[in-house]
Amino acid sequence: MKSITKQKPFDEVKQQLDRFDRVCIVGCGTCATMTKTGGREEVLNMKEHLQELGKLVTGWTVIPTACDEMTEGALNLIQGIQNANCILVMACALGVHKVNLYIDKPVIPALDTLFIGVEDSPGYFHEVCAQCGQCVLGETAGICPLTACHKGLLNGPCGGTNNGKCEVDKEKDCAWTLIYQRLKEQGRLDLMHKYHPPKNYQVVPRPRVIKLV
């Protein structure tokens, strides 16, 4: 499972860095490296672009995993980080959050976090979890209808499905056709008759917290 990210438009990064002239760049050696948004190559490319803008890049690094407990120690090893007046983080939102915990300087995200996904083949990722907090995988044969269906339908296919294909993307298999086929193979087609009430996203408290006891 990986955090899937994309680089923000450079004009947006440029705008966020407008008031800062000394920048330290932090990348991530795990998810952002795999998605080619914050690995060594992308960090060095960002460094070059910032230097062309007249920014002084005081230091840079690619933390093995920017969102875990190694973050603090890795930041302490960056030469030039204390000379920067902001940190540009090329990692997922959790990585940005982690860096912000340990640095008393403005932390600027260079990436947008899109979803949690898996890699099907080199460079091709698909969303597998929307972190909705109400998992139905046990009744949909392990296929999430929220992420596999373009419309996020919880109670079977829409009227536009045609020969097992999605009406939104005719090259894509209909999620509910896949669910039906797998439930049939498992002898659990009776679950297709179970009604799932629509999700009421308005009642989800934000920010979400959990305390384990």
N, C-alpha and C. Protein backbone atom coordinates (compact mmCIF):
# COMPACT_ATOMS: atom_id res chain seq x y z
N MET A 1 0.84 -1.19 0.00
CA MET A 1 0.00 0.00 0.00
C MET A 1 0.89 1.25 0.00
N LYS A 2 0.62 2.15 -0.91
CA LYS A 2 1.43 3.35 -1.03
C LYS A 2 0.56 4.60 -1.06
N SER A 3 1.12 5.70 -0.57
CA SER A 3 0.47 7.00 -0.74
C SER A 3 0.80 7.50 -2.14
N ILE A 4 -0.22 7.69 -2.95
CA ILE A 4 -0.02 8.12 -4.34
C ILE A 4 -0.09 9.63 -4.40
N THR A 5 0.94 10.23 -4.94
CA THR A 5 1.05 11.69 -4.99
C THR A 5 1.32 12.16 -6.41
N LYS A 6 1.11 13.44 -6.63
CA LYS A 6 1.52 14.08 -7.88
C LYS A 6 2.18 15.41 -7.51
N GLN A 7 3.07 15.87 -8.35
CA GLN A 7 3.71 17.15 -8.09
C GLN A 7 2.73 18.29 -8.34
N LYS A 8 2.77 19.26 -7.46
CA LYS A 8 1.98 20.46 -7.67
C LYS A 8 2.52 21.20 -8.90
N PRO A 9 1.67 21.96 -9.59
CA PRO A 9 2.19 22.80 -10.67
C PRO A 9 3.32 23.69 -10.13
N PHE A 10 4.37 23.83 -10.92
CA PHE A 10 5.53 24.58 -10.40
C PHE A 10 5.16 26.02 -10.07
N ASP A 11 4.22 26.60 -10.79
CA ASP A 11 3.79 27.97 -10.48
C ASP A 11 3.22 28.06 -9.07
N GLU A 12 2.52 26.99 -8.63
CA GLU A 12 1.97 26.98 -7.27
C GLU A 12 3.09 26.89 -6.24
N VAL A 13 4.08 26.04 -6.52
CA VAL A 13 5.24 25.94 -5.62
C VAL A 13 5.97 27.28 -5.56
N LYS A 14 6.16 27.87 -6.72
CA LYS A 14 6.83 29.17 -6.81
C LYS A 14 6.11 30.22 -5.97
N GLN A 15 4.78 30.22 -6.05
CA GLN A 15 4.00 31.20 -5.28
C GLN A 15 4.15 30.98 -3.78
N GLN A 16 4.14 29.70 -3.37
CA GLN A 16 4.28 29.40 -1.94
C GLN A 16 5.66 29.78 -1.39
N LEU A 17 6.67 29.78 -2.28
CA LEU A 17 8.03 30.10 -1.87
C LEU A 17 8.39 31.55 -2.12
N ASP A 18 7.42 32.34 -2.51
CA ASP A 18 7.70 33.72 -2.93
C ASP A 18 8.45 34.53 -1.88
N ARG A 19 8.11 34.34 -0.61
CA ARG A 19 8.71 35.16 0.45
C ARG A 19 10.00 34.56 1.02
N PHE A 20 10.39 33.40 0.51
CA PHE A 20 11.56 32.72 1.03
C PHE A 20 12.68 32.69 -0.01
N ASP A 21 13.91 33.00 0.43
CA ASP A 21 15.04 32.99 -0.51
C ASP A 21 16.02 31.86 -0.26
N ARG A 22 15.87 31.17 0.89
CA ARG A 22 16.78 30.06 1.22
C ARG A 22 15.93 28.83 1.54
N VAL A 23 16.07 27.80 0.72
CA VAL A 23 15.18 26.64 0.78
C VAL A 23 15.98 25.36 1.00
N CYS A 24 15.46 24.50 1.87
CA CYS A 24 15.99 23.15 2.02
C CYS A 24 14.94 22.18 1.50
N ILE A 25 15.34 21.20 0.69
CA ILE A 25 14.40 20.29 0.05
C ILE A 25 14.50 18.91 0.71
N VAL A 26 13.34 18.35 1.05
CA VAL A 26 13.28 17.02 1.65
C VAL A 26 12.40 16.13 0.79
N GLY A 27 12.94 15.02 0.32
CA GLY A 27 12.19 14.04 -0.45
C GLY A 27 11.93 12.79 0.36
N CYS A 28 11.26 11.82 -0.23
CA CYS A 28 10.93 10.56 0.44
C CYS A 28 11.40 9.38 -0.41
N GLY A 29 12.10 8.45 0.26
CA GLY A 29 12.66 7.32 -0.46
C GLY A 29 11.70 6.16 -0.65
N THR A 30 10.47 6.29 -0.19
CA THR A 30 9.53 5.18 -0.30
C THR A 30 8.46 5.50 -1.35
N CYS A 31 7.31 5.98 -0.91
CA CYS A 31 6.17 6.18 -1.83
C CYS A 31 6.48 7.21 -2.91
N ALA A 32 7.02 8.37 -2.51
CA ALA A 32 7.26 9.44 -3.48
C ALA A 32 8.35 9.06 -4.48
N THR A 33 9.28 8.20 -4.06
CA THR A 33 10.28 7.70 -5.01
C THR A 33 9.62 6.76 -6.00
N MET A 34 8.76 5.87 -5.52
CA MET A 34 8.09 4.92 -6.40
C MET A 34 7.19 5.62 -7.42
N THR A 35 6.51 6.69 -7.00
CA THR A 35 5.61 7.40 -7.91
C THR A 35 6.34 8.49 -8.70
N LYS A 36 7.66 8.58 -8.51
CA LYS A 36 8.50 9.54 -9.24
C LYS A 36 8.03 10.99 -9.01
N THR A 37 7.71 11.28 -7.76
CA THR A 37 7.30 12.63 -7.40
C THR A 37 8.21 13.27 -6.36
N GLY A 38 9.03 12.46 -5.67
CA GLY A 38 9.86 13.03 -4.63
C GLY A 38 11.09 12.21 -4.31
N GLY A 39 11.60 11.47 -5.29
CA GLY A 39 12.84 10.72 -5.11
C GLY A 39 14.04 11.59 -5.42
N ARG A 40 15.21 10.98 -5.46
CA ARG A 40 16.45 11.72 -5.68
C ARG A 40 16.42 12.53 -6.98
N GLU A 41 15.98 11.90 -8.07
CA GLU A 41 15.95 12.59 -9.35
C GLU A 41 15.03 13.80 -9.31
N GLU A 42 13.85 13.64 -8.69
CA GLU A 42 12.88 14.74 -8.65
C GLU A 42 13.36 15.86 -7.72
N VAL A 43 14.02 15.48 -6.62
CA VAL A 43 14.54 16.49 -5.69
C VAL A 43 15.63 17.33 -6.37
N LEU A 44 16.53 16.66 -7.09
CA LEU A 44 17.59 17.39 -7.78
C LEU A 44 17.04 18.26 -8.90
N ASN A 45 15.99 17.78 -9.55
CA ASN A 45 15.34 18.58 -10.59
C ASN A 45 14.69 19.81 -9.98
N MET A 46 14.04 19.64 -8.83
CA MET A 46 13.43 20.78 -8.13
C MET A 46 14.52 21.77 -7.70
N LYS A 47 15.63 21.25 -7.22
CA LYS A 47 16.75 22.11 -6.82
C LYS A 47 17.20 22.99 -7.97
N GLU A 48 17.32 22.39 -9.14
CA GLU A 48 17.75 23.13 -10.32
C GLU A 48 16.75 24.23 -10.68
N HIS A 49 15.46 23.91 -10.63
CA HIS A 49 14.44 24.90 -10.96
C HIS A 49 14.44 26.05 -9.96
N LEU A 50 14.63 25.73 -8.69
CA LEU A 50 14.64 26.79 -7.67
C LEU A 50 15.86 27.70 -7.83
N GLN A 51 16.98 27.10 -8.19
CA GLN A 51 18.19 27.90 -8.41
C GLN A 51 18.01 28.83 -9.60
N GLU A 52 17.29 28.37 -10.61
CA GLU A 52 17.01 29.23 -11.77
C GLU A 52 16.15 30.42 -11.38
N LEU A 53 15.35 30.24 -10.31
CA LEU A 53 14.53 31.36 -9.81
C LEU A 53 15.34 32.31 -8.93
N GLY A 54 16.58 31.96 -8.65
CA GLY A 54 17.40 32.78 -7.78
C GLY A 54 17.35 32.38 -6.33
N LYS A 55 16.73 31.22 -6.03
CA LYS A 55 16.68 30.73 -4.66
C LYS A 55 18.01 30.05 -4.31
N LEU A 56 18.40 30.18 -3.04
CA LEU A 56 19.56 29.45 -2.55
C LEU A 56 19.08 28.16 -1.90
N VAL A 57 19.45 27.03 -2.46
CA VAL A 57 19.10 25.74 -1.88
C VAL A 57 20.21 25.38 -0.90
N THR A 58 19.92 25.53 0.38
CA THR A 58 20.94 25.37 1.41
C THR A 58 21.27 23.91 1.69
N GLY A 59 20.36 23.00 1.33
CA GLY A 59 20.59 21.59 1.55
C GLY A 59 19.44 20.77 1.00
N TRP A 60 19.67 19.47 0.88
CA TRP A 60 18.60 18.59 0.40
C TRP A 60 18.89 17.18 0.88
N THR A 61 17.84 16.38 0.95
CA THR A 61 17.99 14.97 1.30
C THR A 61 16.77 14.20 0.84
N VAL A 62 16.92 12.89 0.76
CA VAL A 62 15.79 12.00 0.53
C VAL A 62 15.74 11.05 1.72
N ILE A 63 14.77 11.29 2.62
CA ILE A 63 14.63 10.46 3.81
C ILE A 63 14.11 9.09 3.40
N PRO A 64 14.66 8.01 3.96
CA PRO A 64 14.20 6.67 3.56
C PRO A 64 12.68 6.52 3.60
N THR A 65 12.05 6.96 4.69
CA THR A 65 10.60 7.00 4.78
C THR A 65 10.23 8.26 5.54
N ALA A 66 9.66 9.24 4.83
CA ALA A 66 9.48 10.56 5.43
C ALA A 66 8.37 10.62 6.47
N CYS A 67 7.56 9.57 6.57
CA CYS A 67 6.40 9.64 7.47
C CYS A 67 6.54 8.76 8.70
N ASP A 68 7.76 8.27 9.00
CA ASP A 68 7.89 7.43 10.18
C ASP A 68 8.82 8.06 11.21
N GLU A 69 9.24 7.29 12.19
CA GLU A 69 10.02 7.84 13.29
C GLU A 69 11.47 8.13 12.90
N MET A 70 11.88 7.77 11.70
CA MET A 70 13.23 8.10 11.24
C MET A 70 13.35 9.55 10.81
N THR A 71 12.21 10.22 10.65
CA THR A 71 12.21 11.56 10.09
C THR A 71 13.04 12.54 10.92
N GLU A 72 12.84 12.54 12.23
CA GLU A 72 13.54 13.50 13.08
C GLU A 72 15.05 13.33 12.97
N GLY A 73 15.53 12.10 13.08
CA GLY A 73 16.96 11.86 13.00
C GLY A 73 17.53 12.24 11.64
N ALA A 74 16.78 11.94 10.58
CA ALA A 74 17.26 12.26 9.23
C ALA A 74 17.36 13.76 9.02
N LEU A 75 16.41 14.51 9.56
CA LEU A 75 16.45 15.97 9.42
C LEU A 75 17.67 16.56 10.12
N ASN A 76 18.04 15.98 11.24
CA ASN A 76 19.19 16.49 11.99
C ASN A 76 20.50 16.30 11.25
N LEU A 77 20.51 15.43 10.25
CA LEU A 77 21.74 15.14 9.51
C LEU A 77 21.89 15.98 8.25
N ILE A 78 20.87 16.77 7.91
CA ILE A 78 20.93 17.55 6.67
C ILE A 78 21.85 18.75 6.86
N GLN A 79 22.91 18.79 6.09
CA GLN A 79 23.79 19.96 6.14
C GLN A 79 23.10 21.14 5.48
N GLY A 80 23.10 22.26 6.16
CA GLY A 80 22.52 23.48 5.61
C GLY A 80 21.07 23.71 5.97
N ILE A 81 20.44 22.77 6.71
CA ILE A 81 19.03 22.94 7.00
C ILE A 81 18.79 24.14 7.91
N GLN A 82 19.74 24.41 8.81
CA GLN A 82 19.57 25.54 9.72
C GLN A 82 19.70 26.88 9.00
N ASN A 83 20.35 26.88 7.85
CA ASN A 83 20.51 28.12 7.09
C ASN A 83 19.30 28.43 6.21
N ALA A 84 18.39 27.47 6.10
CA ALA A 84 17.19 27.68 5.27
C ALA A 84 16.15 28.46 6.07
N ASN A 85 15.32 29.22 5.35
CA ASN A 85 14.20 29.85 6.05
C ASN A 85 12.88 29.19 5.73
N CYS A 86 12.92 28.05 4.99
CA CYS A 86 11.73 27.21 4.83
C CYS A 86 12.18 25.83 4.35
N ILE A 87 11.29 24.84 4.52
CA ILE A 87 11.56 23.47 4.09
C ILE A 87 10.52 23.11 3.04
N LEU A 88 10.97 22.70 1.86
CA LEU A 88 10.08 22.24 0.80
C LEU A 88 10.06 20.71 0.85
N VAL A 89 8.90 20.14 1.14
CA VAL A 89 8.80 18.70 1.33
C VAL A 89 8.17 18.04 0.11
N MET A 90 8.90 17.12 -0.48
CA MET A 90 8.41 16.36 -1.63
C MET A 90 8.03 14.97 -1.15
N ALA A 91 6.96 14.91 -0.37
CA ALA A 91 6.44 13.67 0.21
C ALA A 91 4.94 13.83 0.34
N CYS A 92 4.29 12.75 0.80
CA CYS A 92 2.83 12.82 0.98
C CYS A 92 2.50 13.76 2.13
N ALA A 93 1.21 13.99 2.35
CA ALA A 93 0.78 14.92 3.38
C ALA A 93 1.24 14.48 4.77
N LEU A 94 1.31 13.16 4.99
CA LEU A 94 1.78 12.68 6.29
C LEU A 94 3.25 13.01 6.48
N GLY A 95 4.03 12.93 5.40
CA GLY A 95 5.43 13.31 5.47
C GLY A 95 5.58 14.79 5.79
N VAL A 96 4.75 15.62 5.17
CA VAL A 96 4.76 17.06 5.46
C VAL A 96 4.45 17.29 6.94
N HIS A 97 3.45 16.58 7.43
CA HIS A 97 3.06 16.70 8.84
C HIS A 97 4.21 16.30 9.76
N LYS A 98 4.89 15.19 9.44
CA LYS A 98 6.00 14.71 10.26
C LYS A 98 7.13 15.73 10.31
N VAL A 99 7.52 16.26 9.16
CA VAL A 99 8.60 17.24 9.11
C VAL A 99 8.23 18.46 9.93
N ASN A 100 6.98 18.86 9.84
CA ASN A 100 6.52 20.04 10.57
C ASN A 100 6.62 19.86 12.08
N LEU A 101 6.54 18.61 12.56
CA LEU A 101 6.64 18.34 13.99
C LEU A 101 8.03 18.63 14.55
N TYR A 102 9.04 18.51 13.69
CA TYR A 102 10.42 18.54 14.17
C TYR A 102 11.19 19.78 13.73
N ILE A 103 10.58 20.63 12.92
CA ILE A 103 11.28 21.78 12.38
C ILE A 103 10.53 23.06 12.75
N ASP A 104 11.24 24.01 13.33
CA ASP A 104 10.63 25.28 13.70
C ASP A 104 10.80 26.30 12.57
N LYS A 105 10.43 25.87 11.38
CA LYS A 105 10.49 26.71 10.19
C LYS A 105 9.25 26.43 9.35
N PRO A 106 8.85 27.33 8.47
CA PRO A 106 7.72 27.04 7.58
C PRO A 106 8.00 25.80 6.73
N VAL A 107 7.01 24.91 6.67
CA VAL A 107 7.11 23.69 5.87
C VAL A 107 6.13 23.77 4.72
N ILE A 108 6.64 23.66 3.50
CA ILE A 108 5.84 23.86 2.29
C ILE A 108 5.72 22.54 1.54
N PRO A 109 4.48 22.09 1.22
CA PRO A 109 4.32 20.86 0.44
C PRO A 109 4.53 21.11 -1.05
N ALA A 110 5.29 20.23 -1.69
CA ALA A 110 5.49 20.32 -3.14
C ALA A 110 4.61 19.35 -3.90
N LEU A 111 3.90 18.46 -3.16
CA LEU A 111 3.08 17.43 -3.78
C LEU A 111 1.64 17.51 -3.30
N ASP A 112 0.75 16.95 -4.09
CA ASP A 112 -0.65 16.73 -3.69
C ASP A 112 -0.83 15.23 -3.46
N THR A 113 -1.42 14.87 -2.31
CA THR A 113 -1.68 13.47 -2.00
C THR A 113 -3.02 13.07 -2.59
N LEU A 114 -3.04 12.04 -3.42
CA LEU A 114 -4.25 11.66 -4.16
C LEU A 114 -5.03 10.54 -3.49
N PHE A 115 -4.37 9.42 -3.20
CA PHE A 115 -5.09 8.28 -2.62
C PHE A 115 -4.10 7.24 -2.14
N ILE A 116 -4.62 6.22 -1.47
CA ILE A 116 -3.83 5.06 -1.08
C ILE A 116 -4.04 3.99 -2.14
N GLY A 117 -2.97 3.46 -2.68
CA GLY A 117 -3.13 2.51 -3.77
C GLY A 117 -2.06 1.45 -3.81
N VAL A 118 -2.16 0.58 -4.79
CA VAL A 118 -1.17 -0.47 -5.01
C VAL A 118 -0.71 -0.39 -6.45
N GLU A 119 0.47 -0.95 -6.69
CA GLU A 119 1.06 -0.96 -8.03
C GLU A 119 0.72 -2.26 -8.73
N ASP A 120 -0.02 -2.18 -9.82
CA ASP A 120 -0.38 -3.36 -10.60
C ASP A 120 0.76 -3.81 -11.50
N SER A 121 1.41 -2.85 -12.11
CA SER A 121 2.55 -3.09 -12.97
C SER A 121 3.44 -1.86 -12.85
N PRO A 122 4.69 -1.94 -13.27
CA PRO A 122 5.59 -0.80 -13.08
C PRO A 122 5.00 0.53 -13.56
N GLY A 123 4.83 1.46 -12.61
CA GLY A 123 4.34 2.78 -12.94
C GLY A 123 2.83 2.92 -13.03
N TYR A 124 2.10 1.83 -12.78
CA TYR A 124 0.63 1.88 -12.87
C TYR A 124 0.03 1.56 -11.51
N PHE A 125 -0.65 2.54 -10.94
CA PHE A 125 -1.23 2.39 -9.61
C PHE A 125 -2.75 2.54 -9.68
N HIS A 126 -3.45 1.84 -8.80
CA HIS A 126 -4.89 2.06 -8.71
C HIS A 126 -5.30 2.17 -7.25
N GLU A 127 -6.33 2.98 -7.01
CA GLU A 127 -6.81 3.23 -5.66
C GLU A 127 -7.51 1.99 -5.12
N VAL A 128 -7.19 1.63 -3.89
CA VAL A 128 -7.82 0.46 -3.28
C VAL A 128 -8.56 0.80 -2.00
N CYS A 129 -8.31 1.97 -1.44
CA CYS A 129 -8.96 2.32 -0.17
C CYS A 129 -9.17 3.82 -0.09
N ALA A 130 -10.42 4.21 0.24
CA ALA A 130 -10.74 5.63 0.42
C ALA A 130 -10.76 6.01 1.89
N GLN A 131 -10.40 5.07 2.76
CA GLN A 131 -10.38 5.31 4.21
C GLN A 131 -11.72 5.89 4.68
N CYS A 132 -12.80 5.26 4.25
CA CYS A 132 -14.14 5.78 4.55
C CYS A 132 -14.58 5.47 5.97
N GLY A 133 -13.93 4.50 6.62
CA GLY A 133 -14.30 4.15 7.99
C GLY A 133 -15.48 3.21 8.10
N GLN A 134 -16.02 2.74 6.97
CA GLN A 134 -17.17 1.82 6.97
C GLN A 134 -16.93 0.75 5.91
N CYS A 135 -16.00 -0.16 6.20
CA CYS A 135 -15.54 -1.12 5.20
C CYS A 135 -16.60 -2.19 4.90
N VAL A 136 -16.84 -2.45 3.61
CA VAL A 136 -17.82 -3.45 3.19
C VAL A 136 -17.16 -4.59 2.42
N LEU A 137 -15.84 -4.68 2.46
CA LEU A 137 -15.12 -5.66 1.66
C LEU A 137 -15.54 -7.09 1.95
N GLY A 138 -15.97 -7.37 3.19
CA GLY A 138 -16.38 -8.71 3.53
C GLY A 138 -17.63 -9.15 2.80
N GLU A 139 -18.42 -8.20 2.32
CA GLU A 139 -19.66 -8.51 1.63
C GLU A 139 -19.59 -8.21 0.14
N THR A 140 -18.45 -7.71 -0.33
CA THR A 140 -18.29 -7.41 -1.76
C THR A 140 -17.09 -8.16 -2.33
N ALA A 141 -16.78 -9.29 -1.73
CA ALA A 141 -15.73 -10.20 -2.23
C ALA A 141 -14.37 -9.52 -2.33
N GLY A 142 -14.09 -8.61 -1.40
CA GLY A 142 -12.78 -7.97 -1.36
C GLY A 142 -12.57 -6.88 -2.38
N ILE A 143 -13.62 -6.51 -3.12
CA ILE A 143 -13.53 -5.43 -4.11
C ILE A 143 -14.29 -4.23 -3.57
N CYS A 144 -13.61 -3.10 -3.41
CA CYS A 144 -14.25 -1.92 -2.82
C CYS A 144 -15.09 -1.19 -3.86
N PRO A 145 -16.40 -1.11 -3.66
CA PRO A 145 -17.23 -0.41 -4.64
C PRO A 145 -17.02 1.10 -4.64
N LEU A 146 -16.52 1.65 -3.54
CA LEU A 146 -16.28 3.10 -3.50
C LEU A 146 -15.12 3.49 -4.40
N THR A 147 -14.10 2.65 -4.46
CA THR A 147 -12.92 2.99 -5.25
C THR A 147 -12.91 2.32 -6.62
N ALA A 148 -13.55 1.16 -6.75
CA ALA A 148 -13.53 0.45 -8.03
C ALA A 148 -14.61 0.92 -8.98
N CYS A 149 -15.68 1.52 -8.42
CA CYS A 149 -16.78 2.04 -9.24
C CYS A 149 -16.64 3.54 -9.40
N HIS A 150 -16.72 4.04 -10.61
CA HIS A 150 -16.59 5.47 -10.86
C HIS A 150 -17.62 6.28 -10.08
N LYS A 151 -18.78 5.68 -9.83
CA LYS A 151 -19.86 6.40 -9.15
C LYS A 151 -19.93 6.07 -7.66
N GLY A 152 -19.07 5.16 -7.22
CA GLY A 152 -19.05 4.81 -5.81
C GLY A 152 -20.34 4.18 -5.32
N LEU A 153 -20.98 3.38 -6.17
CA LEU A 153 -22.28 2.79 -5.82
C LEU A 153 -22.11 1.63 -4.85
N LEU A 154 -23.01 1.57 -3.86
CA LEU A 154 -22.91 0.56 -2.82
C LEU A 154 -23.90 -0.60 -3.00
N ASN A 155 -24.82 -0.50 -3.94
CA ASN A 155 -25.88 -1.50 -4.04
C ASN A 155 -26.07 -2.01 -5.46
N GLY A 156 -25.00 -2.37 -6.10
CA GLY A 156 -25.11 -2.94 -7.43
C GLY A 156 -24.82 -1.93 -8.52
N PRO A 157 -24.76 -2.40 -9.76
CA PRO A 157 -24.37 -1.54 -10.88
C PRO A 157 -25.46 -0.53 -11.25
N CYS A 158 -25.03 0.52 -11.93
CA CYS A 158 -25.98 1.50 -12.44
C CYS A 158 -26.61 0.97 -13.72
N GLY A 159 -27.53 1.73 -14.29
CA GLY A 159 -28.20 1.28 -15.51
C GLY A 159 -27.36 1.41 -16.75
N GLY A 160 -26.16 1.99 -16.59
CA GLY A 160 -25.32 2.22 -17.78
C GLY A 160 -24.31 1.13 -18.05
N THR A 161 -24.20 0.15 -17.15
CA THR A 161 -23.23 -0.92 -17.39
C THR A 161 -23.64 -1.72 -18.63
N ASN A 162 -22.66 -2.08 -19.44
CA ASN A 162 -22.95 -2.74 -20.71
C ASN A 162 -21.92 -3.83 -20.96
N ASN A 163 -22.40 -5.08 -20.99
CA ASN A 163 -21.52 -6.22 -21.23
C ASN A 163 -20.33 -6.23 -20.27
N GLY A 164 -20.64 -5.86 -19.02
CA GLY A 164 -19.61 -5.92 -17.99
C GLY A 164 -18.64 -4.75 -18.00
N LYS A 165 -18.92 -3.74 -18.81
CA LYS A 165 -18.04 -2.57 -18.87
C LYS A 165 -18.73 -1.35 -18.27
N CYS A 166 -17.92 -0.41 -17.82
CA CYS A 166 -18.41 0.82 -17.18
C CYS A 166 -18.81 1.84 -18.23
N GLU A 167 -19.91 2.55 -17.98
CA GLU A 167 -20.35 3.55 -18.96
C GLU A 167 -19.48 4.81 -18.91
N VAL A 168 -18.81 5.05 -17.79
CA VAL A 168 -17.94 6.22 -17.69
C VAL A 168 -16.64 5.97 -18.43
N ASP A 169 -16.10 4.77 -18.29
CA ASP A 169 -14.87 4.37 -18.97
C ASP A 169 -15.10 3.00 -19.59
N LYS A 170 -15.37 2.99 -20.88
CA LYS A 170 -15.75 1.75 -21.56
C LYS A 170 -14.62 0.73 -21.64
N GLU A 171 -13.41 1.13 -21.29
CA GLU A 171 -12.30 0.19 -21.26
C GLU A 171 -12.17 -0.48 -19.89
N LYS A 172 -12.95 0.00 -18.93
CA LYS A 172 -12.84 -0.49 -17.56
C LYS A 172 -13.96 -1.47 -17.23
N ASP A 173 -13.60 -2.54 -16.53
CA ASP A 173 -14.62 -3.50 -16.10
C ASP A 173 -15.53 -2.86 -15.06
N CYS A 174 -16.82 -3.15 -15.15
CA CYS A 174 -17.77 -2.67 -14.16
C CYS A 174 -17.43 -3.32 -12.81
N ALA A 175 -17.27 -2.50 -11.78
CA ALA A 175 -16.90 -3.02 -10.46
C ALA A 175 -17.91 -4.03 -9.96
N TRP A 176 -19.19 -3.77 -10.18
CA TRP A 176 -20.21 -4.67 -9.65
C TRP A 176 -20.32 -5.96 -10.45
N THR A 177 -19.90 -5.93 -11.70
CA THR A 177 -19.81 -7.18 -12.44
C THR A 177 -18.71 -8.05 -11.85
N LEU A 178 -17.59 -7.44 -11.51
CA LEU A 178 -16.49 -8.18 -10.88
C LEU A 178 -16.91 -8.73 -9.52
N ILE A 179 -17.63 -7.90 -8.75
CA ILE A 179 -18.10 -8.34 -7.44
C ILE A 179 -19.05 -9.53 -7.60
N TYR A 180 -19.97 -9.42 -8.55
CA TYR A 180 -20.94 -10.50 -8.81
C TYR A 180 -20.21 -11.79 -9.16
N GLN A 181 -19.25 -11.70 -10.08
CA GLN A 181 -18.54 -12.90 -10.54
C GLN A 181 -17.77 -13.56 -9.40
N ARG A 182 -17.14 -12.75 -8.56
CA ARG A 182 -16.37 -13.33 -7.47
C ARG A 182 -17.28 -13.93 -6.40
N LEU A 183 -18.37 -13.23 -6.09
CA LEU A 183 -19.31 -13.79 -5.11
C LEU A 183 -19.91 -15.10 -5.62
N LYS A 184 -20.18 -15.17 -6.93
CA LYS A 184 -20.72 -16.39 -7.52
C LYS A 184 -19.73 -17.54 -7.36
N GLU A 185 -18.46 -17.27 -7.63
CA GLU A 185 -17.43 -18.30 -7.49
C GLU A 185 -17.33 -18.79 -6.05
N GLN A 186 -17.60 -17.88 -5.11
CA GLN A 186 -17.50 -18.22 -3.69
C GLN A 186 -18.80 -18.78 -3.12
N GLY A 187 -19.83 -18.86 -3.94
CA GLY A 187 -21.11 -19.35 -3.46
C GLY A 187 -21.78 -18.41 -2.47
N ARG A 188 -21.59 -17.11 -2.66
CA ARG A 188 -22.15 -16.12 -1.73
C ARG A 188 -23.00 -15.07 -2.44
N LEU A 189 -23.66 -15.45 -3.53
CA LEU A 189 -24.44 -14.49 -4.29
C LEU A 189 -25.60 -13.89 -3.50
N ASP A 190 -26.00 -14.56 -2.40
CA ASP A 190 -27.08 -14.00 -1.58
C ASP A 190 -26.72 -12.62 -1.04
N LEU A 191 -25.42 -12.33 -0.95
CA LEU A 191 -25.01 -11.03 -0.43
C LEU A 191 -25.36 -9.89 -1.40
N MET A 192 -25.61 -10.23 -2.66
CA MET A 192 -26.00 -9.20 -3.62
C MET A 192 -27.36 -8.60 -3.27
N HIS A 193 -28.15 -9.32 -2.45
CA HIS A 193 -29.47 -8.84 -2.08
C HIS A 193 -29.45 -7.95 -0.84
N LYS A 194 -28.29 -7.86 -0.19
CA LYS A 194 -28.21 -7.06 1.02
C LYS A 194 -28.16 -5.58 0.68
N TYR A 195 -28.94 -4.79 1.39
CA TYR A 195 -29.00 -3.35 1.13
C TYR A 195 -28.02 -2.62 2.03
N HIS A 196 -27.23 -1.73 1.42
CA HIS A 196 -26.31 -0.88 2.17
C HIS A 196 -26.83 0.56 2.12
N PRO A 197 -27.14 1.15 3.25
CA PRO A 197 -27.64 2.53 3.24
C PRO A 197 -26.58 3.48 2.71
N PRO A 198 -27.00 4.57 2.06
CA PRO A 198 -26.03 5.55 1.55
C PRO A 198 -25.16 6.08 2.68
N LYS A 199 -23.93 6.35 2.38
CA LYS A 199 -23.03 6.91 3.39
C LYS A 199 -23.38 8.37 3.63
N ASN A 200 -23.45 8.74 4.88
CA ASN A 200 -23.70 10.13 5.24
C ASN A 200 -22.38 10.74 5.68
N TYR A 201 -21.68 11.32 4.73
CA TYR A 201 -20.36 11.86 5.03
C TYR A 201 -20.41 13.07 5.95
N GLN A 202 -21.59 13.71 6.06
CA GLN A 202 -21.70 14.89 6.90
C GLN A 202 -21.60 14.57 8.38
N VAL A 203 -21.85 13.31 8.75
CA VAL A 203 -21.80 12.98 10.17
C VAL A 203 -20.42 12.51 10.61
N VAL A 204 -19.47 12.45 9.69
CA VAL A 204 -18.11 12.04 10.05
C VAL A 204 -17.40 13.22 10.70
N PRO A 205 -17.04 13.11 11.97
CA PRO A 205 -16.37 14.23 12.64
C PRO A 205 -14.97 14.45 12.08
N ARG A 206 -14.60 15.69 11.90
CA ARG A 206 -13.27 16.02 11.43
C ARG A 206 -12.64 17.04 12.37
N PRO A 207 -11.36 16.94 12.67
CA PRO A 207 -10.48 15.85 12.25
C PRO A 207 -10.78 14.57 13.01
N ARG A 208 -10.61 13.43 12.35
CA ARG A 208 -10.87 12.15 12.99
C ARG A 208 -9.73 11.78 13.93
N VAL A 209 -10.09 11.22 15.08
CA VAL A 209 -9.08 10.78 16.04
C VAL A 209 -9.51 9.42 16.57
N ILE A 210 -8.55 8.68 17.10
CA ILE A 210 -8.85 7.40 17.72
C ILE A 210 -7.87 7.19 18.85
N LYS A 211 -8.37 6.67 19.97
CA LYS A 211 -7.53 6.37 21.12
C LYS A 211 -7.62 4.88 21.41
N LEU A 212 -6.48 4.21 21.37
CA LEU A 212 -6.45 2.78 21.64
C LEU A 212 -6.20 2.55 23.12
N VAL A 213 -7.03 1.74 23.74
CA VAL A 213 -6.88 1.48 25.17
C VAL A 213 -6.73 -0.01 25.41
